[in-house]
């Protein structure tokens, strides 16, 4: 559920420069002129409209799938950072990730990732909290269900 965000940088006008945010299985990707740019270790070198080589460096912020981009020493935010209360709201599944072993990770990480993606959408705030709250509760119920199932199977 990656998002595509147009990136506005002087020297790259009319080139369709855009960022595809990280997905659950892939990191962020940079595109220009409709083609994916191949980079090394979060570093990309692109030719601007004048033919100069410009280095792009992705900088990450915790669980947020939208990185900041360092362009020639200037940091560009492609999306607003998540607020502290949005991180706090997402924290419920984090408890099962750290306290629930492998099952906690299997149930909690997808919930955390999906919740962060939902907070990045343009939905109404109330809907964001309803969706992410439901996802958090669902992940905890799934965790409890799996624990009970494995406990039952181990005792049989």
Protein backbone atom coordinates (compact mmCIF):
# COMPACT_ATOMS: atom_id res chain seq x y z
CA UNK A 1 0.00 0.00 0.00
CA UNK A 2 2.74 2.42 -1.00
CA UNK A 3 1.89 6.01 -1.92
CA UNK A 4 3.34 7.99 -4.81
CA UNK A 5 4.30 11.53 -3.88
CA UNK A 6 5.43 14.15 -6.42
CA UNK A 7 8.76 15.72 -5.47
CA UNK A 8 9.22 19.40 -6.37
CA UNK A 9 12.89 20.36 -6.60
CA UNK A 10 14.44 23.23 -8.55
CA UNK A 11 16.33 21.92 -11.55
CA UNK A 12 14.04 18.93 -12.09
CA UNK A 13 10.94 20.75 -13.35
CA UNK A 14 8.83 18.87 -15.91
CA UNK A 15 10.61 15.57 -15.29
CA UNK A 16 7.91 13.82 -13.25
CA UNK A 17 10.16 13.34 -10.23
CA UNK A 18 8.27 11.29 -7.64
CA UNK A 19 8.80 9.10 -4.63
CA UNK A 20 7.01 5.83 -3.96
CA UNK A 21 6.98 5.33 -0.20
CA UNK A 22 8.09 2.08 1.41
CA UNK A 23 5.73 -0.86 1.37
CA UNK A 24 5.72 -3.82 3.74
CA UNK A 25 8.19 -5.77 1.60
CA UNK A 26 10.05 -3.05 -0.33
CA UNK A 27 11.84 0.16 0.51
CA UNK A 28 11.07 3.56 -1.00
CA UNK A 29 11.75 4.09 -4.69
CA UNK A 30 12.58 7.22 -6.67
CA UNK A 31 11.25 7.80 -10.22
CA UNK A 32 12.13 10.36 -12.88
CA UNK A 33 10.90 10.59 -16.46
CA UNK A 34 8.66 7.57 -15.76
CA UNK A 35 11.63 5.31 -14.93
CA UNK A 36 12.75 3.94 -11.58
CA UNK A 37 16.12 5.31 -10.50
CA UNK A 38 18.58 2.69 -9.30
CA UNK A 39 20.44 3.72 -6.19
CA UNK A 40 22.96 2.29 -3.75
CA UNK A 41 22.41 2.29 0.01
CA UNK A 42 19.64 4.88 -0.06
CA UNK A 43 21.76 7.16 -2.30
CA UNK A 44 20.70 8.18 -5.78
CA UNK A 45 22.53 10.34 -8.30
CA UNK A 46 20.35 12.12 -10.89
CA UNK A 47 21.13 14.50 -13.72
CA UNK A 48 19.19 17.76 -13.41
CA UNK A 49 17.83 19.79 -16.33
CA UNK A 50 21.23 21.46 -16.84
CA UNK A 51 23.13 18.15 -16.86
CA UNK A 52 24.60 18.54 -13.36
CA UNK A 53 24.80 15.45 -11.15
CA UNK A 54 22.75 15.85 -7.96
CA UNK A 55 22.89 13.39 -5.06
CA UNK A 56 19.68 12.35 -3.29
CA UNK A 57 19.89 10.62 0.09
CA UNK A 58 16.90 9.07 1.88
CA UNK A 59 16.66 9.69 5.63
CA UNK A 60 14.18 7.66 7.65
CA UNK A 61 12.13 8.50 10.73
CA UNK A 62 11.17 5.45 12.77
CA UNK A 63 8.14 3.60 11.49
CA UNK A 64 7.20 6.29 9.00
CA UNK A 65 7.26 4.98 5.40
CA UNK A 66 7.75 8.47 3.92
CA UNK A 67 11.45 9.35 4.15
CA UNK A 68 12.95 12.80 4.10
CA UNK A 69 15.18 13.43 1.11
CA UNK A 70 18.55 15.16 1.50
CA UNK A 71 19.27 16.93 -1.81
CA UNK A 72 22.68 18.55 -1.86
CA UNK A 73 22.60 19.23 1.89
CA UNK A 74 19.02 20.55 1.87
CA UNK A 75 16.48 18.29 3.58
CA UNK A 76 13.11 18.02 1.87
CA UNK A 77 10.05 16.53 3.57
CA UNK A 78 7.79 14.77 1.09
CA UNK A 79 5.07 14.33 3.71
CA UNK A 80 4.38 15.84 7.10
CA UNK A 81 5.83 13.85 9.99
CA UNK A 82 3.39 11.80 12.01
CA UNK A 83 2.35 13.55 15.22
CA UNK A 84 3.25 12.16 18.64
CA UNK A 85 -0.38 11.30 19.36
CA UNK A 86 -0.62 9.34 16.10
CA UNK A 87 2.41 7.30 17.17
CA UNK A 88 0.81 6.85 20.61
CA UNK A 89 -2.41 5.60 19.00
CA UNK A 90 -0.42 3.10 16.93
CA UNK A 91 1.49 1.88 20.02
CA UNK A 92 -1.04 -0.76 21.11
CA UNK A 93 0.19 -3.41 18.65
CA UNK A 94 3.77 -2.50 19.58
CA UNK A 95 3.15 -4.05 23.01
CA UNK A 96 2.44 -7.46 21.47
CA UNK A 97 5.43 -7.16 19.14
CA UNK A 98 7.82 -6.76 22.08
CA UNK A 99 5.99 -8.96 24.57
CA UNK A 100 4.45 -11.64 22.41
CA UNK A 101 7.39 -13.42 20.82
CA UNK A 102 7.09 -14.65 17.25
CA UNK A 103 3.28 -14.64 17.35
CA UNK A 104 3.32 -11.06 18.61
CA UNK A 105 5.55 -10.01 15.73
CA UNK A 106 3.35 -11.84 13.20
CA UNK A 107 0.22 -10.10 14.50
CA UNK A 108 1.66 -6.73 15.52
CA UNK A 109 3.95 -5.65 12.68
CA UNK A 110 1.31 -5.79 9.92
CA UNK A 111 -1.06 -3.83 12.19
CA UNK A 112 1.57 -1.17 12.88
CA UNK A 113 2.52 -0.86 9.23
CA UNK A 114 -1.10 -0.66 8.05
CA UNK A 115 -1.96 1.93 10.71
CA UNK A 116 0.96 4.16 9.71
CA UNK A 117 -0.16 3.93 6.07
CA UNK A 118 -3.73 4.88 7.04
CA UNK A 119 -2.51 7.96 8.93
CA UNK A 120 -0.76 9.01 5.70
CA UNK A 121 -4.05 9.04 3.71
CA UNK A 122 -6.37 11.99 3.15
CA UNK A 123 -9.29 10.43 5.03
CA UNK A 124 -11.18 12.32 7.72
CA UNK A 125 -9.36 12.14 11.09
CA UNK A 126 -12.26 10.33 12.78
CA UNK A 127 -12.15 7.60 10.13
CA UNK A 128 -8.39 7.24 10.52
CA UNK A 129 -8.76 6.64 14.26
CA UNK A 130 -11.69 4.25 13.77
CA UNK A 131 -9.82 2.21 11.14
CA UNK A 132 -6.54 2.09 13.03
CA UNK A 133 -8.27 1.34 16.34
CA UNK A 134 -10.09 -1.55 14.69
CA UNK A 135 -6.84 -2.82 13.21
CA UNK A 136 -5.12 -2.64 16.61
CA UNK A 137 -7.96 -4.49 18.34
CA UNK A 138 -8.04 -7.05 15.54
CA UNK A 139 -4.31 -7.70 15.85
CA UNK A 140 -4.62 -8.25 19.59
CA UNK A 141 -7.61 -10.56 19.14
CA UNK A 142 -5.69 -12.49 16.46
CA UNK A 143 -2.73 -12.79 18.83
CA UNK A 144 -4.92 -14.05 21.68
CA UNK A 145 -6.66 -16.48 19.32
CA UNK A 146 -3.35 -17.87 18.09
CA UNK A 147 -1.99 -18.22 21.62
CA UNK A 148 -5.13 -20.11 22.69
CA UNK A 149 -4.98 -22.30 19.56
CA UNK A 150 -1.32 -23.20 20.03
CA UNK A 151 -1.86 -23.80 23.74
CA UNK A 152 -4.76 -26.13 22.90
CA UNK A 153 -2.72 -27.96 20.25
CA UNK A 154 0.28 -28.29 22.57
CA UNK A 155 -1.92 -29.72 25.33
CA UNK A 156 -3.65 -32.26 23.06
